[in-house]
């Protein structure tokens, strides 16, 4: 059910950007970070390993997973800008053709993308979150994901950063959300959860999974309800959301197998391209309706078009690369198994 949740989070971002209010996007992005921290640690520990060949395979697969759909989204943005440059930039000031070396490089590499100033070129407006993701993949693969002790040090450092922002910058949201260190707390929570997944399994078993899911999903809903009522508590609730996201993640991770698993996987695969392409979809809808103001109708049509573009990206870009990604992973697994046999007691005998 994690795939369904991921698509739901992507649609929350779509709603925040193409309708209102803004804050569900921040909550959803931090939930995404928790999931990524957990999953990246999991696959590094259990599939790729931290050897040189394992890390090489991990990063090749990360590139194949992130960059081709991103470049596809960039091409769609460029087409829209060339056709309707003035109207597109009125809807989103970031959507302009990069005209400086730094903007060209950051759009090409993702590293260095930021969300301000508002007129800074970003061919994929939510691309700055990919920069934060990639920076933390680097941190997890080189250091934080290698042991429980390092995971807790990572968590402690992220807490110190958040505390410093509250003490010295009066809880400035830009430093907590738009900068790379701002994403560290949810990523660190995800990394720590990996090392405690078996403990959660025992707790969930003692409650029964339906009860555990009801409690965790209920807590998650309560946080969103509180944020919609108590706007002054938005920033503290953002961090409560991280903790509750961790509880929900562990519950969904231990969900019993069902016939819904294949559908859940498919829905999860739509989340990334829908996230990348929702601004482009929204702009196409607004241009077709000949309006700039976002309405219920434009939002509904934007969701439909976002999912359509996501499905197109899945079939044209992501699926054709899946065989190559699987090949990279299988070679790593065979190499790991071979090394394990070389040092096992049986082989020594």
C-alpha atoms as a PDB file:
ATOM      1  CA  UNK A   1       0.000   0.000   0.000  1.00  0.00           C
ATOM      2  CA  UNK A   2       3.024   2.285   0.030  1.00  0.00           C
ATOM      3  CA  UNK A   3       2.605   2.824  -3.708  1.00  0.00           C
ATOM      4  CA  UNK A   4      -0.953   4.072  -3.267  1.00  0.00           C
ATOM      5  CA  UNK A   5       0.210   6.386  -0.480  1.00  0.00           C
ATOM      6  CA  UNK A   6       2.991   7.772  -2.674  1.00  0.00           C
ATOM      7  CA  UNK A   7       0.515   8.584  -5.452  1.00  0.00           C
ATOM      8  CA  UNK A   8      -1.757  10.214  -2.861  1.00  0.00           C
ATOM      9  CA  UNK A   9       1.167  12.358  -1.706  1.00  0.00           C
ATOM     10  CA  UNK A  10       1.895  13.392  -5.302  1.00  0.00           C
ATOM     11  CA  UNK A  11      -1.747  14.410  -5.745  1.00  0.00           C
ATOM     12  CA  UNK A  12      -1.560  16.478  -2.553  1.00  0.00           C
ATOM     13  CA  UNK A  13       1.292  18.406  -4.170  1.00  0.00           C
ATOM     14  CA  UNK A  14      -0.799  18.823  -7.326  1.00  0.00           C
ATOM     15  CA  UNK A  15      -3.675  20.186  -5.240  1.00  0.00           C
ATOM     16  CA  UNK A  16      -1.420  22.606  -3.349  1.00  0.00           C
ATOM     17  CA  UNK A  17       0.211  23.982  -6.486  1.00  0.00           C
ATOM     18  CA  UNK A  18      -2.763  24.066  -8.838  1.00  0.00           C
ATOM     19  CA  UNK A  19      -5.554  24.882  -6.410  1.00  0.00           C
ATOM     20  CA  UNK A  20      -5.093  25.578  -2.669  1.00  0.00           C
ATOM     21  CA  UNK A  21      -3.989  25.622   0.143  1.00  0.00           C
ATOM     22  CA  UNK A  22      -0.182  25.546  -0.123  1.00  0.00           C
ATOM     23  CA  UNK A  23       0.789  23.637   3.011  1.00  0.00           C
ATOM     24  CA  UNK A  24      -0.247  20.053   2.081  1.00  0.00           C
ATOM     25  CA  UNK A  25       2.627  20.115  -0.447  1.00  0.00           C
ATOM     26  CA  UNK A  26       5.161  20.685   2.348  1.00  0.00           C
ATOM     27  CA  UNK A  27       3.666  17.885   4.439  1.00  0.00           C
ATOM     28  CA  UNK A  28       3.632  15.540   1.444  1.00  0.00           C
ATOM     29  CA  UNK A  29       7.236  16.328   0.488  1.00  0.00           C
ATOM     30  CA  UNK A  30       8.452  15.568   4.018  1.00  0.00           C
ATOM     31  CA  UNK A  31       6.505  12.285   3.946  1.00  0.00           C
ATOM     32  CA  UNK A  32       8.244  11.476   0.648  1.00  0.00           C
ATOM     33  CA  UNK A  33      11.603  12.127   2.327  1.00  0.00           C
ATOM     34  CA  UNK A  34      10.796   9.688   5.163  1.00  0.00           C
ATOM     35  CA  UNK A  35       9.888   7.003   2.627  1.00  0.00           C
ATOM     36  CA  UNK A  36      13.047   7.674   0.593  1.00  0.00           C
ATOM     37  CA  UNK A  37      15.318   7.567   3.647  1.00  0.00           C
ATOM     38  CA  UNK A  38      13.917   4.176   4.609  1.00  0.00           C
ATOM     39  CA  UNK A  39      13.915   2.650   1.115  1.00  0.00           C
ATOM     40  CA  UNK A  40      17.385   3.876   0.122  1.00  0.00           C
ATOM     41  CA  UNK A  41      18.877   2.422   3.318  1.00  0.00           C
ATOM     42  CA  UNK A  42      16.979  -0.816   2.738  1.00  0.00           C
ATOM     43  CA  UNK A  43      18.187  -1.374  -0.815  1.00  0.00           C
ATOM     44  CA  UNK A  44      21.759  -0.382   0.003  1.00  0.00           C
ATOM     45  CA  UNK A  45      21.873  -2.729   2.982  1.00  0.00           C
ATOM     46  CA  UNK A  46      20.048  -5.659   1.395  1.00  0.00           C
ATOM     47  CA  UNK A  47      20.507  -5.410  -2.384  1.00  0.00           C
ATOM     48  CA  UNK A  48      23.503  -3.336  -3.449  1.00  0.00           C
ATOM     49  CA  UNK A  49      25.883  -3.292  -0.446  1.00  0.00           C
ATOM     50  CA  UNK A  50      28.354  -0.504   0.314  1.00  0.00           C
ATOM     51  CA  UNK A  51      31.198  -1.965  -1.744  1.00  0.00           C
ATOM     52  CA  UNK A  52      32.587   0.004  -4.658  1.00  0.00           C
ATOM     53  CA  UNK A  53      30.705  -2.132  -7.198  1.00  0.00           C
ATOM     54  CA  UNK A  54      27.547  -2.005  -5.100  1.00  0.00           C
ATOM     55  CA  UNK A  55      27.619   1.784  -4.849  1.00  0.00           C
ATOM     56  CA  UNK A  56      28.352   2.071  -8.571  1.00  0.00           C
ATOM     57  CA  UNK A  57      25.328  -0.079  -9.392  1.00  0.00           C
ATOM     58  CA  UNK A  58      23.169   1.864  -6.918  1.00  0.00           C
ATOM     59  CA  UNK A  59      24.039   5.188  -8.515  1.00  0.00           C
ATOM     60  CA  UNK A  60      23.625   3.907 -12.068  1.00  0.00           C
ATOM     61  CA  UNK A  61      20.137   2.738 -11.167  1.00  0.00           C
ATOM     62  CA  UNK A  62      19.335   5.975  -9.349  1.00  0.00           C
ATOM     63  CA  UNK A  63      20.381   7.915 -12.471  1.00  0.00           C
ATOM     64  CA  UNK A  64      18.220   5.710 -14.695  1.00  0.00           C
ATOM     65  CA  UNK A  65      15.293   6.113 -12.305  1.00  0.00           C
ATOM     66  CA  UNK A  66      15.458   9.882 -11.778  1.00  0.00           C
ATOM     67  CA  UNK A  67      17.021  11.603 -14.779  1.00  0.00           C
ATOM     68  CA  UNK A  68      15.311  10.252 -17.939  1.00  0.00           C
ATOM     69  CA  UNK A  69      11.759  11.108 -16.709  1.00  0.00           C
ATOM     70  CA  UNK A  70      13.095  14.443 -15.495  1.00  0.00           C
ATOM     71  CA  UNK A  71      14.582  15.245 -18.921  1.00  0.00           C
ATOM     72  CA  UNK A  72      11.304  14.188 -20.565  1.00  0.00           C
ATOM     73  CA  UNK A  73       9.499  16.699 -18.321  1.00  0.00           C
ATOM     74  CA  UNK A  74      12.091  19.343 -19.272  1.00  0.00           C
ATOM     75  CA  UNK A  75      11.364  18.809 -22.973  1.00  0.00           C
ATOM     76  CA  UNK A  76       7.631  19.279 -22.410  1.00  0.00           C
ATOM     77  CA  UNK A  77       8.348  22.483 -20.465  1.00  0.00           C
ATOM     78  CA  UNK A  78      10.584  23.826 -23.244  1.00  0.00           C
ATOM     79  CA  UNK A  79       7.854  23.141 -25.798  1.00  0.00           C
ATOM     80  CA  UNK A  80       5.281  25.011 -23.707  1.00  0.00           C
ATOM     81  CA  UNK A  81       7.615  27.952 -23.127  1.00  0.00           C
ATOM     82  CA  UNK A  82       8.510  28.277 -26.814  1.00  0.00           C
ATOM     83  CA  UNK A  83       4.831  28.197 -27.767  1.00  0.00           C
ATOM     84  CA  UNK A  84       3.451  30.475 -25.027  1.00  0.00           C
ATOM     85  CA  UNK A  85       6.384  32.058 -23.193  1.00  0.00           C
ATOM     86  CA  UNK A  86       4.638  35.125 -21.760  1.00  0.00           C
ATOM     87  CA  UNK A  87       1.536  33.325 -20.523  1.00  0.00           C
ATOM     88  CA  UNK A  88       3.511  30.406 -19.108  1.00  0.00           C
ATOM     89  CA  UNK A  89       5.789  32.668 -17.063  1.00  0.00           C
ATOM     90  CA  UNK A  90       2.737  34.522 -15.699  1.00  0.00           C
ATOM     91  CA  UNK A  91       1.398  31.238 -14.319  1.00  0.00           C
ATOM     92  CA  UNK A  92       4.772  30.091 -12.936  1.00  0.00           C
ATOM     93  CA  UNK A  93       7.730  32.473 -12.919  1.00  0.00           C
ATOM     94  CA  UNK A  94      10.239  29.609 -12.813  1.00  0.00           C
ATOM     95  CA  UNK A  95       9.180  28.290 -16.216  1.00  0.00           C
ATOM     96  CA  UNK A  96      11.579  30.166 -18.484  1.00  0.00           C
ATOM     97  CA  UNK A  97      14.391  29.011 -20.750  1.00  0.00           C
ATOM     98  CA  UNK A  98      17.694  28.985 -18.781  1.00  0.00           C
ATOM     99  CA  UNK A  99      19.811  31.902 -20.001  1.00  0.00           C
ATOM    100  CA  UNK A 100      22.903  31.723 -17.820  1.00  0.00           C
ATOM    101  CA  UNK A 101      25.606  29.110 -17.348  1.00  0.00           C
ATOM    102  CA  UNK A 102      24.580  28.422 -13.757  1.00  0.00           C
ATOM    103  CA  UNK A 103      20.908  27.983 -14.686  1.00  0.00           C
ATOM    104  CA  UNK A 104      21.771  25.695 -17.601  1.00  0.00           C
ATOM    105  CA  UNK A 105      23.991  23.522 -15.391  1.00  0.00           C
ATOM    106  CA  UNK A 106      21.563  23.311 -12.482  1.00  0.00           C
ATOM    107  CA  UNK A 107      18.684  22.392 -14.788  1.00  0.00           C
ATOM    108  CA  UNK A 108      20.816  19.763 -16.520  1.00  0.00           C
ATOM    109  CA  UNK A 109      22.364  18.256 -13.396  1.00  0.00           C
ATOM    110  CA  UNK A 110      19.544  18.905 -10.854  1.00  0.00           C
ATOM    111  CA  UNK A 111      22.250  19.552  -8.242  1.00  0.00           C
ATOM    112  CA  UNK A 112      21.998  23.185  -7.218  1.00  0.00           C
ATOM    113  CA  UNK A 113      18.332  23.706  -8.117  1.00  0.00           C
ATOM    114  CA  UNK A 114      16.601  25.982  -5.616  1.00  0.00           C
ATOM    115  CA  UNK A 115      13.112  27.458  -5.352  1.00  0.00           C
ATOM    116  CA  UNK A 116      14.074  31.106  -5.068  1.00  0.00           C
ATOM    117  CA  UNK A 117      14.176  33.739  -6.377  1.00  0.00           C
ATOM    118  CA  UNK A 118      10.778  33.319  -8.020  1.00  0.00           C
ATOM    119  CA  UNK A 119      12.098  34.172 -11.484  1.00  0.00           C
ATOM    120  CA  UNK A 120      14.992  31.699 -11.389  1.00  0.00           C
ATOM    121  CA  UNK A 121      14.677  29.276 -14.305  1.00  0.00           C
ATOM    122  CA  UNK A 122      13.545  25.789 -13.372  1.00  0.00           C
ATOM    123  CA  UNK A 123      12.204  23.720 -16.254  1.00  0.00           C
ATOM    124  CA  UNK A 124      10.685  21.324 -13.729  1.00  0.00           C
ATOM    125  CA  UNK A 125       9.468  23.568 -10.884  1.00  0.00           C
ATOM    126  CA  UNK A 126       9.497  20.857  -8.175  1.00  0.00           C
ATOM    127  CA  UNK A 127      12.991  19.830  -9.276  1.00  0.00           C
ATOM    128  CA  UNK A 128      14.558  21.473  -6.199  1.00  0.00           C
ATOM    129  CA  UNK A 129      13.207  18.582  -4.098  1.00  0.00           C
ATOM    130  CA  UNK A 130      15.102  16.175  -6.364  1.00  0.00           C
ATOM    131  CA  UNK A 131      18.279  18.073  -5.501  1.00  0.00           C
ATOM    132  CA  UNK A 132      17.537  17.508  -1.802  1.00  0.00           C
ATOM    133  CA  UNK A 133      16.772  13.829  -2.498  1.00  0.00           C
ATOM    134  CA  UNK A 134      20.008  13.269  -4.427  1.00  0.00           C
ATOM    135  CA  UNK A 135      22.096  15.059  -1.806  1.00  0.00           C
ATOM    136  CA  UNK A 136      20.700  12.740   0.874  1.00  0.00           C
ATOM    137  CA  UNK A 137      21.125   9.640  -1.292  1.00  0.00           C
ATOM    138  CA  UNK A 138      24.785  10.620  -1.425  1.00  0.00           C
ATOM    139  CA  UNK A 139      24.934  11.075   2.339  1.00  0.00           C
ATOM    140  CA  UNK A 140      23.136   7.784   3.032  1.00  0.00           C
ATOM    141  CA  UNK A 141      25.220   5.773   0.582  1.00  0.00           C
ATOM    142  CA  UNK A 142      28.568   7.148   1.759  1.00  0.00           C
ATOM    143  CA  UNK A 143      27.918   7.354   5.491  1.00  0.00           C
ATOM    144  CA  UNK A 144      24.555   7.568   7.242  1.00  0.00           C
ATOM    145  CA  UNK A 145      23.011   4.318   6.011  1.00  0.00           C
ATOM    146  CA  UNK A 146      25.896   2.038   6.910  1.00  0.00           C
ATOM    147  CA  UNK A 147      25.084   1.379  10.589  1.00  0.00           C
ATOM    148  CA  UNK A 148      22.551   2.102  13.293  1.00  0.00           C
ATOM    149  CA  UNK A 149      25.088   4.225  15.152  1.00  0.00           C
ATOM    150  CA  UNK A 150      25.653   6.467  12.129  1.00  0.00           C
ATOM    151  CA  UNK A 151      21.914   6.689  11.552  1.00  0.00           C
ATOM    152  CA  UNK A 152      21.421   8.030  15.073  1.00  0.00           C
ATOM    153  CA  UNK A 153      24.271  10.522  14.656  1.00  0.00           C
ATOM    154  CA  UNK A 154      22.605  11.689  11.434  1.00  0.00           C
ATOM    155  CA  UNK A 155      19.304  12.074  13.293  1.00  0.00           C
ATOM    156  CA  UNK A 156      20.956  13.985  16.130  1.00  0.00           C
ATOM    157  CA  UNK A 157      22.686  16.389  13.722  1.00  0.00           C
ATOM    158  CA  UNK A 158      19.422  17.012  11.884  1.00  0.00           C
ATOM    159  CA  UNK A 159      17.668  17.795  15.182  1.00  0.00           C
ATOM    160  CA  UNK A 160      20.462  20.242  16.063  1.00  0.00           C
ATOM    161  CA  UNK A 161      19.996  21.985  12.710  1.00  0.00           C
ATOM    162  CA  UNK A 162      16.233  22.341  13.226  1.00  0.00           C
ATOM    163  CA  UNK A 163      16.776  23.623  16.779  1.00  0.00           C
ATOM    164  CA  UNK A 164      19.300  26.211  15.559  1.00  0.00           C
ATOM    165  CA  UNK A 165      16.863  27.481  12.922  1.00  0.00           C
ATOM    166  CA  UNK A 166      14.172  27.905  15.568  1.00  0.00           C
ATOM    167  CA  UNK A 167      16.529  29.595  18.029  1.00  0.00           C
ATOM    168  CA  UNK A 168      18.517  31.857  15.692  1.00  0.00           C
ATOM    169  CA  UNK A 169      16.180  32.315  12.698  1.00  0.00           C
ATOM    170  CA  UNK A 170      12.827  32.250  14.494  1.00  0.00           C
ATOM    171  CA  UNK A 171      11.794  29.043  12.733  1.00  0.00           C
ATOM    172  CA  UNK A 172      12.271  30.512   9.234  1.00  0.00           C
ATOM    173  CA  UNK A 173      10.426  28.126   6.903  1.00  0.00           C
ATOM    174  CA  UNK A 174      12.836  28.716   4.014  1.00  0.00           C
ATOM    175  CA  UNK A 175      15.738  27.264   6.026  1.00  0.00           C
ATOM    176  CA  UNK A 176      13.612  24.391   7.310  1.00  0.00           C
ATOM    177  CA  UNK A 177      12.113  23.393   3.989  1.00  0.00           C
ATOM    178  CA  UNK A 178      13.918  24.693   0.899  1.00  0.00           C
ATOM    179  CA  UNK A 179      17.548  24.005   1.878  1.00  0.00           C
ATOM    180  CA  UNK A 180      19.299  20.618   1.816  1.00  0.00           C
ATOM    181  CA  UNK A 181      19.835  20.465   5.630  1.00  0.00           C
ATOM    182  CA  UNK A 182      16.129  21.213   6.056  1.00  0.00           C
ATOM    183  CA  UNK A 183      15.304  17.834   4.537  1.00  0.00           C
ATOM    184  CA  UNK A 184      17.695  15.956   6.803  1.00  0.00           C
ATOM    185  CA  UNK A 185      15.303  15.337   9.694  1.00  0.00           C
ATOM    186  CA  UNK A 186      12.694  13.381   7.675  1.00  0.00           C
ATOM    187  CA  UNK A 187      15.440  11.530   5.802  1.00  0.00           C
ATOM    188  CA  UNK A 188      17.157  10.647   9.099  1.00  0.00           C
ATOM    189  CA  UNK A 189      13.881   9.367  10.542  1.00  0.00           C
ATOM    190  CA  UNK A 190      13.536   7.091   7.522  1.00  0.00           C
ATOM    191  CA  UNK A 191      17.106   5.790   7.906  1.00  0.00           C
ATOM    192  CA  UNK A 192      16.624   5.081  11.635  1.00  0.00           C
ATOM    193  CA  UNK A 193      13.334   3.292  10.916  1.00  0.00           C
ATOM    194  CA  UNK A 194      15.169   0.793   8.722  1.00  0.00           C
ATOM    195  CA  UNK A 195      17.218  -0.388  11.700  1.00  0.00           C
ATOM    196  CA  UNK A 196      14.061  -0.752  13.828  1.00  0.00           C
ATOM    197  CA  UNK A 197      11.727  -2.322  11.274  1.00  0.00           C
ATOM    198  CA  UNK A 198      11.697  -5.672  13.076  1.00  0.00           C
ATOM    199  CA  UNK A 199      10.680  -4.033  16.352  1.00  0.00           C
ATOM    200  CA  UNK A 200       7.724  -2.454  14.577  1.00  0.00           C
ATOM    201  CA  UNK A 201       6.849  -5.862  13.144  1.00  0.00           C
ATOM    202  CA  UNK A 202       6.410  -7.230  16.680  1.00  0.00           C
ATOM    203  CA  UNK A 203       4.285  -4.260  17.759  1.00  0.00           C
ATOM    204  CA  UNK A 204       2.056  -4.549  14.706  1.00  0.00           C
ATOM    205  CA  UNK A 205       1.692  -8.298  15.218  1.00  0.00           C
ATOM    206  CA  UNK A 206       0.608  -7.754  18.821  1.00  0.00           C
ATOM    207  CA  UNK A 207      -2.066  -5.266  17.740  1.00  0.00           C
ATOM    208  CA  UNK A 208      -3.079  -7.023  14.491  1.00  0.00           C
ATOM    209  CA  UNK A 209      -2.469  -5.245  11.214  1.00  0.00           C
ATOM    210  CA  UNK A 210      -5.981  -3.780  10.693  1.00  0.00           C
ATOM    211  CA  UNK A 211      -5.872  -2.179  14.158  1.00  0.00           C
ATOM    212  CA  UNK A 212      -2.345  -0.849  13.582  1.00  0.00           C
ATOM    213  CA  UNK A 213      -3.361   0.583  10.208  1.00  0.00           C
ATOM    214  CA  UNK A 214      -6.465   2.241  11.653  1.00  0.00           C
ATOM    215  CA  UNK A 215      -4.386   3.880  14.394  1.00  0.00           C
ATOM    216  CA  UNK A 216      -1.546   5.040  12.111  1.00  0.00           C
ATOM    217  CA  UNK A 217      -3.833   6.295   9.329  1.00  0.00           C
ATOM    218  CA  UNK A 218      -6.013   8.001  11.925  1.00  0.00           C
ATOM    219  CA  UNK A 219      -3.010   9.795  13.429  1.00  0.00           C
ATOM    220  CA  UNK A 220      -1.897  10.888   9.971  1.00  0.00           C
ATOM    221  CA  UNK A 221      -5.360  12.305   9.237  1.00  0.00           C
ATOM    222  CA  UNK A 222      -5.476  14.089  12.603  1.00  0.00           C
ATOM    223  CA  UNK A 223      -2.211  15.918  11.840  1.00  0.00           C
ATOM    224  CA  UNK A 224      -3.644  17.206   8.567  1.00  0.00           C
ATOM    225  CA  UNK A 225      -6.876  18.199  10.269  1.00  0.00           C
ATOM    226  CA  UNK A 226      -4.968  20.120  12.962  1.00  0.00           C
ATOM    227  CA  UNK A 227      -2.871  21.892  10.325  1.00  0.00           C
ATOM    228  CA  UNK A 228      -6.018  23.027   8.519  1.00  0.00           C
ATOM    229  CA  UNK A 229      -7.478  24.419  11.771  1.00  0.00           C
ATOM    230  CA  UNK A 230      -4.429  25.777  13.609  1.00  0.00           C
ATOM    231  CA  UNK A 231      -2.460  27.636  10.957  1.00  0.00           C
ATOM    232  CA  UNK A 232      -0.170  29.185  13.579  1.00  0.00           C
ATOM    233  CA  UNK A 233       1.085  25.680  14.451  1.00  0.00           C
ATOM    234  CA  UNK A 234       1.875  24.787  10.839  1.00  0.00           C
ATOM    235  CA  UNK A 235       5.661  24.489  11.243  1.00  0.00           C
ATOM    236  CA  UNK A 236       5.624  22.376  14.454  1.00  0.00           C
ATOM    237  CA  UNK A 237       2.945  20.167  12.872  1.00  0.00           C
ATOM    238  CA  UNK A 238       5.219  19.687   9.865  1.00  0.00           C
ATOM    239  CA  UNK A 239       7.591  17.805  12.182  1.00  0.00           C
ATOM    240  CA  UNK A 240       4.789  15.919  13.910  1.00  0.00           C
ATOM    241  CA  UNK A 241       3.819  14.883  10.387  1.00  0.00           C
ATOM    242  CA  UNK A 242       7.313  13.405   9.920  1.00  0.00           C
ATOM    243  CA  UNK A 243       6.963  11.197  13.007  1.00  0.00           C
ATOM    244  CA  UNK A 244       3.445  10.102  12.111  1.00  0.00           C
ATOM    245  CA  UNK A 245       4.584   9.420   8.538  1.00  0.00           C
ATOM    246  CA  UNK A 246       7.205   7.087   9.987  1.00  0.00           C
ATOM    247  CA  UNK A 247       4.555   5.181  11.942  1.00  0.00           C
ATOM    248  CA  UNK A 248       2.314   4.909   8.874  1.00  0.00           C
ATOM    249  CA  UNK A 249       5.274   3.812   6.735  1.00  0.00           C
ATOM    250  CA  UNK A 250       6.148   0.989   9.110  1.00  0.00           C
ATOM    251  CA  UNK A 251       2.529  -0.131   9.230  1.00  0.00           C
ATOM    252  CA  UNK A 252       2.205  -0.177   5.446  1.00  0.00           C
ATOM    253  CA  UNK A 253       5.597  -1.889   5.088  1.00  0.00           C
ATOM    254  CA  UNK A 254       4.317  -4.777   7.188  1.00  0.00           C
ATOM    255  CA  UNK A 255       0.968  -5.015   5.387  1.00  0.00           C
ATOM    256  CA  UNK A 256      -0.101  -8.588   4.584  1.00  0.00           C
ATOM    257  CA  UNK A 257       0.169  -9.592   0.945  1.00  0.00           C
ATOM    258  CA  UNK A 258      -3.000  -9.229  -1.088  1.00  0.00           C
ATOM    259  CA  UNK A 259      -4.354  -9.207  -4.633  1.00  0.00           C
ATOM    260  CA  UNK A 260      -4.093  -5.428  -4.504  1.00  0.00           C
ATOM    261  CA  UNK A 261      -0.266  -5.568  -4.504  1.00  0.00           C
ATOM    262  CA  UNK A 262       0.086  -5.364  -8.285  1.00  0.00           C
ATOM    263  CA  UNK A 263      -2.299  -2.408  -8.497  1.00  0.00           C
ATOM    264  CA  UNK A 264      -0.483  -0.741  -5.601  1.00  0.00           C
ATOM    265  CA  UNK A 265       2.847  -1.107  -7.421  1.00  0.00           C
ATOM    266  CA  UNK A 266       1.354   0.413 -10.580  1.00  0.00           C
ATOM    267  CA  UNK A 267      -0.085   3.380  -8.681  1.00  0.00           C
ATOM    268  CA  UNK A 268       3.268   3.929  -6.991  1.00  0.00           C
ATOM    269  CA  UNK A 269       5.002   3.999 -10.384  1.00  0.00           C
ATOM    270  CA  UNK A 270       2.730   6.879 -11.444  1.00  0.00           C
ATOM    271  CA  UNK A 271       3.667   9.033  -8.465  1.00  0.00           C
ATOM    272  CA  UNK A 272       7.071  10.260  -9.692  1.00  0.00           C
ATOM    273  CA  UNK A 273       6.073  11.273 -13.246  1.00  0.00           C
ATOM    274  CA  UNK A 274       2.836  12.834 -11.942  1.00  0.00           C
ATOM    275  CA  UNK A 275       4.914  14.849  -9.499  1.00  0.00           C
ATOM    276  CA  UNK A 276       7.291  15.976 -12.258  1.00  0.00           C
ATOM    277  CA  UNK A 277       4.614  16.923 -14.779  1.00  0.00           C
ATOM    278  CA  UNK A 278       1.769  18.463 -12.792  1.00  0.00           C
ATOM    279  CA  UNK A 279       2.789  22.070 -13.468  1.00  0.00           C
ATOM    280  CA  UNK A 280       2.996  21.387 -17.197  1.00  0.00           C
ATOM    281  CA  UNK A 281      -0.417  19.726 -17.078  1.00  0.00           C
ATOM    282  CA  UNK A 282      -1.900  22.615 -15.136  1.00  0.00           C
ATOM    283  CA  UNK A 283      -0.516  25.161 -17.587  1.00  0.00           C
ATOM    284  CA  UNK A 284      -1.909  23.274 -20.584  1.00  0.00           C
ATOM    285  CA  UNK A 285      -5.338  23.242 -18.922  1.00  0.00           C
ATOM    286  CA  UNK A 286      -5.207  26.943 -18.033  1.00  0.00           C
ATOM    287  CA  UNK A 287      -4.108  27.818 -21.578  1.00  0.00           C
ATOM    288  CA  UNK A 288      -6.917  25.715 -23.025  1.00  0.00           C
ATOM    289  CA  UNK A 289      -9.445  27.419 -20.731  1.00  0.00           C
ATOM    290  CA  UNK A 290      -7.893  30.814 -21.549  1.00  0.00           C
ATOM    291  CA  UNK A 291      -7.535  31.766 -17.886  1.00  0.00           C
ATOM    292  CA  UNK A 292      -4.837  32.293 -15.276  1.00  0.00           C
ATOM    293  CA  UNK A 293      -6.896  31.975 -12.106  1.00  0.00           C
ATOM    294  CA  UNK A 294      -7.090  28.405 -10.817  1.00  0.00           C
ATOM    295  CA  UNK A 295     -10.564  26.988 -10.310  1.00  0.00           C
ATOM    296  CA  UNK A 296     -12.135  23.694  -9.296  1.00  0.00           C
ATOM    297  CA  UNK A 297     -12.624  22.848 -12.974  1.00  0.00           C
ATOM    298  CA  UNK A 298      -9.038  23.650 -13.936  1.00  0.00           C
ATOM    299  CA  UNK A 299      -7.768  21.625 -10.968  1.00  0.00           C
ATOM    300  CA  UNK A 300      -9.898  18.579 -11.824  1.00  0.00           C
ATOM    301  CA  UNK A 301      -8.782  18.677 -15.454  1.00  0.00           C
ATOM    302  CA  UNK A 302      -5.164  19.163 -14.352  1.00  0.00           C
ATOM    303  CA  UNK A 303      -5.302  16.032 -12.196  1.00  0.00           C
ATOM    304  CA  UNK A 304      -6.634  14.011 -15.134  1.00  0.00           C
ATOM    305  CA  UNK A 305      -3.983  15.385 -17.487  1.00  0.00           C
ATOM    306  CA  UNK A 306      -1.206  14.911 -14.877  1.00  0.00           C
ATOM    307  CA  UNK A 307      -2.104  11.237 -14.535  1.00  0.00           C
ATOM    308  CA  UNK A 308      -2.357  10.873 -18.329  1.00  0.00           C
ATOM    309  CA  UNK A 309       1.108  12.393 -18.805  1.00  0.00           C
ATOM    310  CA  UNK A 310       2.406  10.215 -15.968  1.00  0.00           C
ATOM    311  CA  UNK A 311       1.082   7.103 -17.700  1.00  0.00           C
ATOM    312  CA  UNK A 312       2.642   8.250 -20.975  1.00  0.00           C
ATOM    313  CA  UNK A 313       6.000   8.797 -19.244  1.00  0.00           C
ATOM    314  CA  UNK A 314       5.744   5.399 -17.585  1.00  0.00           C
ATOM    315  CA  UNK A 315       5.196   3.646 -20.912  1.00  0.00           C
ATOM    316  CA  UNK A 316       7.607   5.657 -23.078  1.00  0.00           C
ATOM    317  CA  UNK A 317      10.457   6.376 -20.669  1.00  0.00           C
ATOM    318  CA  UNK A 318      10.382   4.412 -17.413  1.00  0.00           C
ATOM    319  CA  UNK A 319       9.278   0.949 -18.547  1.00  0.00           C
ATOM    320  CA  UNK A 320      11.808   0.681 -21.422  1.00  0.00           C
ATOM    321  CA  UNK A 321      14.590   1.338 -18.897  1.00  0.00           C
ATOM    322  CA  UNK A 322      13.321  -1.142 -16.303  1.00  0.00           C
ATOM    323  CA  UNK A 323      15.044  -4.087 -18.003  1.00  0.00           C
ATOM    324  CA  UNK A 324      18.364  -2.242 -17.943  1.00  0.00           C
ATOM    325  CA  UNK A 325      17.884  -1.314 -14.273  1.00  0.00           C
ATOM    326  CA  UNK A 326      17.028  -4.930 -13.438  1.00  0.00           C
ATOM    327  CA  UNK A 327      20.156  -6.095 -15.248  1.00  0.00           C
ATOM    328  CA  UNK A 328      22.353  -3.709 -13.256  1.00  0.00           C
ATOM    329  CA  UNK A 329      20.783  -4.897 -10.017  1.00  0.00           C
ATOM    330  CA  UNK A 330      21.044  -8.610 -10.858  1.00  0.00           C
ATOM    331  CA  UNK A 331      24.739  -8.291 -11.709  1.00  0.00           C
ATOM    332  CA  UNK A 332      25.329  -6.691  -8.329  1.00  0.00           C
ATOM    333  CA  UNK A 333      23.399  -9.420  -6.537  1.00  0.00           C
ATOM    334  CA  UNK A 334      25.358 -12.165  -8.347  1.00  0.00           C
ATOM    335  CA  UNK A 335      28.617 -10.436  -7.478  1.00  0.00           C
ATOM    336  CA  UNK A 336      27.576 -10.151  -3.825  1.00  0.00           C
ATOM    337  CA  UNK A 337      26.537 -13.812  -3.683  1.00  0.00           C
ATOM    338  CA  UNK A 338      29.844 -14.843  -5.255  1.00  0.00           C
ATOM    339  CA  UNK A 339      31.864 -12.916  -2.674  1.00  0.00           C
ATOM    340  CA  UNK A 340      29.733 -14.381   0.124  1.00  0.00           C
ATOM    341  CA  UNK A 341      30.464 -17.930  -1.068  1.00  0.00           C
ATOM    342  CA  UNK A 342      34.192 -17.176  -1.254  1.00  0.00           C
ATOM    343  CA  UNK A 343      34.335 -16.274   2.446  1.00  0.00           C
ATOM    344  CA  UNK A 344      31.698 -18.711   3.770  1.00  0.00           C
ATOM    345  CA  UNK A 345      32.702 -21.606   6.086  1.00  0.00           C
ATOM    346  CA  UNK A 346      31.447 -24.109   3.515  1.00  0.00           C
ATOM    347  CA  UNK A 347      33.718 -22.756   0.779  1.00  0.00           C
ATOM    348  CA  UNK A 348      36.640 -22.645   3.186  1.00  0.00           C
ATOM    349  CA  UNK A 349      36.068 -26.305   4.033  1.00  0.00           C
END
